[in-house]
Amino acid sequence: MIKNVLKGVAVVLAVSEIITLWFVLTLAEPYGRLPGGRLSGDEVTGLVTDWSFAMDNYPLTLEVRPSDPYSVHTSRTVYKGNLYVSSITGGDSRWAQLLLEDPDLRIRSGNKIYKVRARKVEDQILLDEIHEVRSRRPGAPTRSPEELARMWFFRIDSR
């Protein structure tokens, strides 16, 4: 009797795992840390000169590699009206590497999609200022100097 119950439980668990795996692998949208494909939303035309509104919507989602869309949720910072997205793993991040290959991307904030271009921030003074702004946010993690040095930031500009 117990063997039959355990077999039934095992079958239910296996089927639910297969369904979950299928669901996750066929997502168009990113799910947690899992990447997705092409983003949906209302595409906005026109240039954005102040990205402050991007801090009001969570998450900010990037869609890189237009030829074969690859989308992820990422952290962002607005500093002096400019939008910066960060890769805490620097060059180990797949999406960051894809941005170096092709800086054109789309981002979604709320339900709005913006066509933008990314540029990796190399200026150490600007990086220090961005880190300072990020550290003042409520709930911001404390990062070691090594962690901060590893992070990459990209400035996002309308195109």
C-alpha atoms as a PDB file:
ATOM      1  CA  MET A   1       0.000   0.000   0.000  1.00  0.00           C
ATOM      2  CA  ILE A   2       2.697   2.482   1.006  1.00  0.00           C
ATOM      3  CA  LYS A   3       4.739   1.506  -2.070  1.00  0.00           C
ATOM      4  CA  ASN A   4       1.790   2.352  -4.327  1.00  0.00           C
ATOM      5  CA  VAL A   5       1.261   5.710  -2.613  1.00  0.00           C
ATOM      6  CA  LEU A   6       4.953   6.562  -2.943  1.00  0.00           C
ATOM      7  CA  LYS A   7       4.924   5.540  -6.620  1.00  0.00           C
ATOM      8  CA  GLY A   8       1.916   7.785  -7.179  1.00  0.00           C
ATOM      9  CA  VAL A   9       3.618  10.702  -5.431  1.00  0.00           C
ATOM     10  CA  ALA A  10       6.767  10.128  -7.506  1.00  0.00           C
ATOM     11  CA  VAL A  11       4.761  10.152 -10.741  1.00  0.00           C
ATOM     12  CA  VAL A  12       2.962  13.366  -9.768  1.00  0.00           C
ATOM     13  CA  LEU A  13       6.258  15.041  -8.858  1.00  0.00           C
ATOM     14  CA  ALA A  14       7.929  13.915 -12.086  1.00  0.00           C
ATOM     15  CA  VAL A  15       5.040  15.165 -14.215  1.00  0.00           C
ATOM     16  CA  SER A  16       4.929  18.502 -12.391  1.00  0.00           C
ATOM     17  CA  GLU A  17       8.709  18.918 -12.869  1.00  0.00           C
ATOM     18  CA  ILE A  18       8.381  18.206 -16.604  1.00  0.00           C
ATOM     19  CA  ILE A  19       5.525  20.697 -16.927  1.00  0.00           C
ATOM     20  CA  THR A  20       7.468  23.325 -14.972  1.00  0.00           C
ATOM     21  CA  LEU A  21      10.586  22.786 -17.087  1.00  0.00           C
ATOM     22  CA  TRP A  22       8.560  23.045 -20.310  1.00  0.00           C
ATOM     23  CA  PHE A  23       6.897  26.235 -19.063  1.00  0.00           C
ATOM     24  CA  VAL A  24      10.191  27.868 -18.118  1.00  0.00           C
ATOM     25  CA  LEU A  25      11.986  26.875 -21.335  1.00  0.00           C
ATOM     26  CA  THR A  26       9.222  28.193 -23.578  1.00  0.00           C
ATOM     27  CA  LEU A  27       8.855  31.566 -21.883  1.00  0.00           C
ATOM     28  CA  ALA A  28       9.042  34.639 -24.047  1.00  0.00           C
ATOM     29  CA  GLU A  29       9.537  36.752 -20.944  1.00  0.00           C
ATOM     30  CA  PRO A  30      12.418  36.310 -18.519  1.00  0.00           C
ATOM     31  CA  TYR A  31      11.473  34.481 -15.350  1.00  0.00           C
ATOM     32  CA  GLY A  32      13.512  35.347 -12.275  1.00  0.00           C
ATOM     33  CA  ARG A  33      17.126  34.809 -13.308  1.00  0.00           C
ATOM     34  CA  LEU A  34      16.166  32.774 -16.382  1.00  0.00           C
ATOM     35  CA  PRO A  35      16.417  34.690 -19.680  1.00  0.00           C
ATOM     36  CA  GLY A  36      13.539  35.085 -22.078  1.00  0.00           C
ATOM     37  CA  GLY A  37      13.076  36.187 -25.677  1.00  0.00           C
ATOM     38  CA  ARG A  38      11.324  39.105 -27.354  1.00  0.00           C
ATOM     39  CA  LEU A  39       9.593  41.492 -24.951  1.00  0.00           C
ATOM     40  CA  SER A  40       5.972  42.517 -25.249  1.00  0.00           C
ATOM     41  CA  GLY A  41       4.606  45.967 -24.472  1.00  0.00           C
ATOM     42  CA  ASP A  42       3.723  49.297 -26.051  1.00  0.00           C
ATOM     43  CA  GLU A  43       6.644  50.666 -28.052  1.00  0.00           C
ATOM     44  CA  VAL A  44       7.375  54.328 -27.333  1.00  0.00           C
ATOM     45  CA  THR A  45       8.663  56.599 -30.077  1.00  0.00           C
ATOM     46  CA  GLY A  46      10.707  59.687 -29.399  1.00  0.00           C
ATOM     47  CA  LEU A  47      13.755  60.397 -27.321  1.00  0.00           C
ATOM     48  CA  VAL A  48      13.843  60.176 -23.531  1.00  0.00           C
ATOM     49  CA  THR A  49      15.891  62.921 -21.881  1.00  0.00           C
ATOM     50  CA  ASP A  50      15.143  62.099 -18.229  1.00  0.00           C
ATOM     51  CA  TRP A  51      14.913  58.456 -17.166  1.00  0.00           C
ATOM     52  CA  SER A  52      13.820  59.140 -13.565  1.00  0.00           C
ATOM     53  CA  PHE A  53      10.532  57.322 -14.181  1.00  0.00           C
ATOM     54  CA  ALA A  54      12.461  54.068 -14.715  1.00  0.00           C
ATOM     55  CA  MET A  55      13.051  53.854 -10.962  1.00  0.00           C
ATOM     56  CA  ASP A  56       9.277  53.674 -10.372  1.00  0.00           C
ATOM     57  CA  ASN A  57       8.769  50.374 -12.192  1.00  0.00           C
ATOM     58  CA  TYR A  58      10.175  47.017 -11.182  1.00  0.00           C
ATOM     59  CA  PRO A  59      11.662  45.156 -12.859  1.00  0.00           C
ATOM     60  CA  LEU A  60      13.530  46.866 -15.654  1.00  0.00           C
ATOM     61  CA  THR A  61      13.876  44.351 -18.460  1.00  0.00           C
ATOM     62  CA  LEU A  62      16.512  44.407 -21.201  1.00  0.00           C
ATOM     63  CA  GLU A  63      16.177  42.776 -24.601  1.00  0.00           C
ATOM     64  CA  VAL A  64      19.603  42.456 -26.220  1.00  0.00           C
ATOM     65  CA  ARG A  65      20.682  40.921 -29.547  1.00  0.00           C
ATOM     66  CA  PRO A  66      17.860  42.113 -31.835  1.00  0.00           C
ATOM     67  CA  SER A  67      18.510  39.316 -34.373  1.00  0.00           C
ATOM     68  CA  ASP A  68      17.694  36.653 -31.746  1.00  0.00           C
ATOM     69  CA  PRO A  69      16.195  38.452 -28.726  1.00  0.00           C
ATOM     70  CA  TYR A  70      17.589  37.566 -25.317  1.00  0.00           C
ATOM     71  CA  SER A  71      15.886  39.303 -22.400  1.00  0.00           C
ATOM     72  CA  VAL A  72      16.749  39.599 -18.719  1.00  0.00           C
ATOM     73  CA  HIS A  73      15.725  41.539 -15.639  1.00  0.00           C
ATOM     74  CA  THR A  74      18.438  43.813 -14.344  1.00  0.00           C
ATOM     75  CA  SER A  75      19.239  46.407 -11.764  1.00  0.00           C
ATOM     76  CA  ARG A  76      19.214  50.071 -12.738  1.00  0.00           C
ATOM     77  CA  THR A  77      20.261  53.426 -11.420  1.00  0.00           C
ATOM     78  CA  VAL A  78      19.249  56.889 -12.551  1.00  0.00           C
ATOM     79  CA  TYR A  79      21.918  59.524 -12.001  1.00  0.00           C
ATOM     80  CA  LYS A  80      21.503  63.103 -13.238  1.00  0.00           C
ATOM     81  CA  GLY A  81      18.576  61.933 -15.386  1.00  0.00           C
ATOM     82  CA  ASN A  82      20.666  59.282 -17.148  1.00  0.00           C
ATOM     83  CA  LEU A  83      19.823  55.586 -16.951  1.00  0.00           C
ATOM     84  CA  TYR A  84      22.514  53.054 -16.059  1.00  0.00           C
ATOM     85  CA  VAL A  85      22.027  49.285 -15.983  1.00  0.00           C
ATOM     86  CA  SER A  86      24.420  47.034 -14.144  1.00  0.00           C
ATOM     87  CA  SER A  87      25.853  43.577 -14.421  1.00  0.00           C
ATOM     88  CA  ILE A  88      27.056  42.536 -10.985  1.00  0.00           C
ATOM     89  CA  THR A  89      29.100  39.756 -12.575  1.00  0.00           C
ATOM     90  CA  GLY A  90      30.700  42.068 -15.127  1.00  0.00           C
ATOM     91  CA  GLY A  91      31.909  40.251 -18.216  1.00  0.00           C
ATOM     92  CA  ASP A  92      30.661  36.890 -16.955  1.00  0.00           C
ATOM     93  CA  SER A  93      27.124  38.006 -17.755  1.00  0.00           C
ATOM     94  CA  ARG A  94      25.826  36.693 -21.095  1.00  0.00           C
ATOM     95  CA  TRP A  95      23.711  39.788 -21.744  1.00  0.00           C
ATOM     96  CA  ALA A  96      26.633  42.133 -21.020  1.00  0.00           C
ATOM     97  CA  GLN A  97      28.782  40.268 -23.539  1.00  0.00           C
ATOM     98  CA  LEU A  98      25.978  40.487 -26.105  1.00  0.00           C
ATOM     99  CA  LEU A  99      25.773  44.260 -25.536  1.00  0.00           C
ATOM    100  CA  LEU A 100      29.467  44.605 -26.313  1.00  0.00           C
ATOM    101  CA  GLU A 101      28.835  42.820 -29.625  1.00  0.00           C
ATOM    102  CA  ASP A 102      25.759  44.909 -30.501  1.00  0.00           C
ATOM    103  CA  PRO A 103      24.884  47.925 -28.320  1.00  0.00           C
ATOM    104  CA  ASP A 104      21.351  48.303 -29.741  1.00  0.00           C
ATOM    105  CA  LEU A 105      18.672  46.959 -27.448  1.00  0.00           C
ATOM    106  CA  ARG A 106      15.154  47.493 -26.185  1.00  0.00           C
ATOM    107  CA  ILE A 107      14.196  48.037 -22.571  1.00  0.00           C
ATOM    108  CA  ARG A 108      10.855  47.709 -20.860  1.00  0.00           C
ATOM    109  CA  SER A 109       9.852  49.838 -17.925  1.00  0.00           C
ATOM    110  CA  GLY A 110       6.311  49.122 -16.814  1.00  0.00           C
ATOM    111  CA  ASN A 111       4.474  48.144 -20.000  1.00  0.00           C
ATOM    112  CA  LYS A 112       6.418  50.547 -22.234  1.00  0.00           C
ATOM    113  CA  ILE A 113       9.224  49.482 -24.578  1.00  0.00           C
ATOM    114  CA  TYR A 114      12.019  51.889 -25.546  1.00  0.00           C
ATOM    115  CA  LYS A 115      14.553  51.488 -28.345  1.00  0.00           C
ATOM    116  CA  VAL A 116      17.914  52.397 -26.869  1.00  0.00           C
ATOM    117  CA  ARG A 117      21.666  52.052 -27.229  1.00  0.00           C
ATOM    118  CA  ALA A 118      24.078  51.022 -24.481  1.00  0.00           C
ATOM    119  CA  ARG A 119      27.584  52.259 -23.854  1.00  0.00           C
ATOM    120  CA  LYS A 120      29.846  50.663 -21.249  1.00  0.00           C
ATOM    121  CA  VAL A 121      30.925  53.162 -18.602  1.00  0.00           C
ATOM    122  CA  GLU A 122      34.723  53.290 -18.293  1.00  0.00           C
ATOM    123  CA  ASP A 123      35.184  56.624 -16.459  1.00  0.00           C
ATOM    124  CA  GLN A 124      36.199  55.743 -12.878  1.00  0.00           C
ATOM    125  CA  ILE A 125      34.928  59.034 -11.422  1.00  0.00           C
ATOM    126  CA  LEU A 126      31.490  58.423 -12.931  1.00  0.00           C
ATOM    127  CA  LEU A 127      31.537  54.798 -11.718  1.00  0.00           C
ATOM    128  CA  ASP A 128      32.310  55.984  -8.186  1.00  0.00           C
ATOM    129  CA  GLU A 129      29.408  58.459  -8.355  1.00  0.00           C
ATOM    130  CA  ILE A 130      27.016  55.735  -9.575  1.00  0.00           C
ATOM    131  CA  HIS A 131      28.135  53.407  -6.763  1.00  0.00           C
ATOM    132  CA  GLU A 132      27.533  56.206  -4.251  1.00  0.00           C
ATOM    133  CA  VAL A 133      23.988  56.821  -5.555  1.00  0.00           C
ATOM    134  CA  ARG A 134      23.239  53.084  -5.462  1.00  0.00           C
ATOM    135  CA  SER A 135      24.559  52.696  -1.919  1.00  0.00           C
ATOM    136  CA  ARG A 136      22.082  55.316  -0.629  1.00  0.00           C
ATOM    137  CA  ARG A 137      19.024  53.420  -1.865  1.00  0.00           C
ATOM    138  CA  PRO A 138      16.897  51.790   0.849  1.00  0.00           C
ATOM    139  CA  GLY A 139      17.879  48.152   1.252  1.00  0.00           C
ATOM    140  CA  ALA A 140      20.980  48.490  -0.915  1.00  0.00           C
ATOM    141  CA  PRO A 141      23.467  45.698  -0.257  1.00  0.00           C
ATOM    142  CA  THR A 142      26.891  46.569   1.072  1.00  0.00           C
ATOM    143  CA  ARG A 143      29.448  45.500  -1.514  1.00  0.00           C
ATOM    144  CA  SER A 144      33.149  44.980  -1.025  1.00  0.00           C
ATOM    145  CA  PRO A 145      35.636  46.964  -3.131  1.00  0.00           C
ATOM    146  CA  GLU A 146      36.321  43.758  -5.083  1.00  0.00           C
ATOM    147  CA  GLU A 147      32.620  43.306  -5.877  1.00  0.00           C
ATOM    148  CA  LEU A 148      32.313  46.938  -6.956  1.00  0.00           C
ATOM    149  CA  ALA A 149      35.358  46.631  -9.209  1.00  0.00           C
ATOM    150  CA  ARG A 150      33.852  43.577 -10.900  1.00  0.00           C
ATOM    151  CA  MET A 151      30.532  45.267 -11.723  1.00  0.00           C
ATOM    152  CA  TRP A 152      29.916  46.669 -15.193  1.00  0.00           C
ATOM    153  CA  PHE A 153      27.624  49.608 -15.888  1.00  0.00           C
ATOM    154  CA  PHE A 154      26.117  50.611 -19.196  1.00  0.00           C
ATOM    155  CA  ARG A 155      24.661  54.032 -19.887  1.00  0.00           C
ATOM    156  CA  ILE A 156      21.384  53.776 -21.773  1.00  0.00           C
ATOM    157  CA  ASP A 157      20.501  56.415 -24.381  1.00  0.00           C
ATOM    158  CA  SER A 158      17.459  56.703 -26.641  1.00  0.00           C
ATOM    159  CA  ARG A 159      17.917  56.003 -30.329  1.00  0.00           C
END
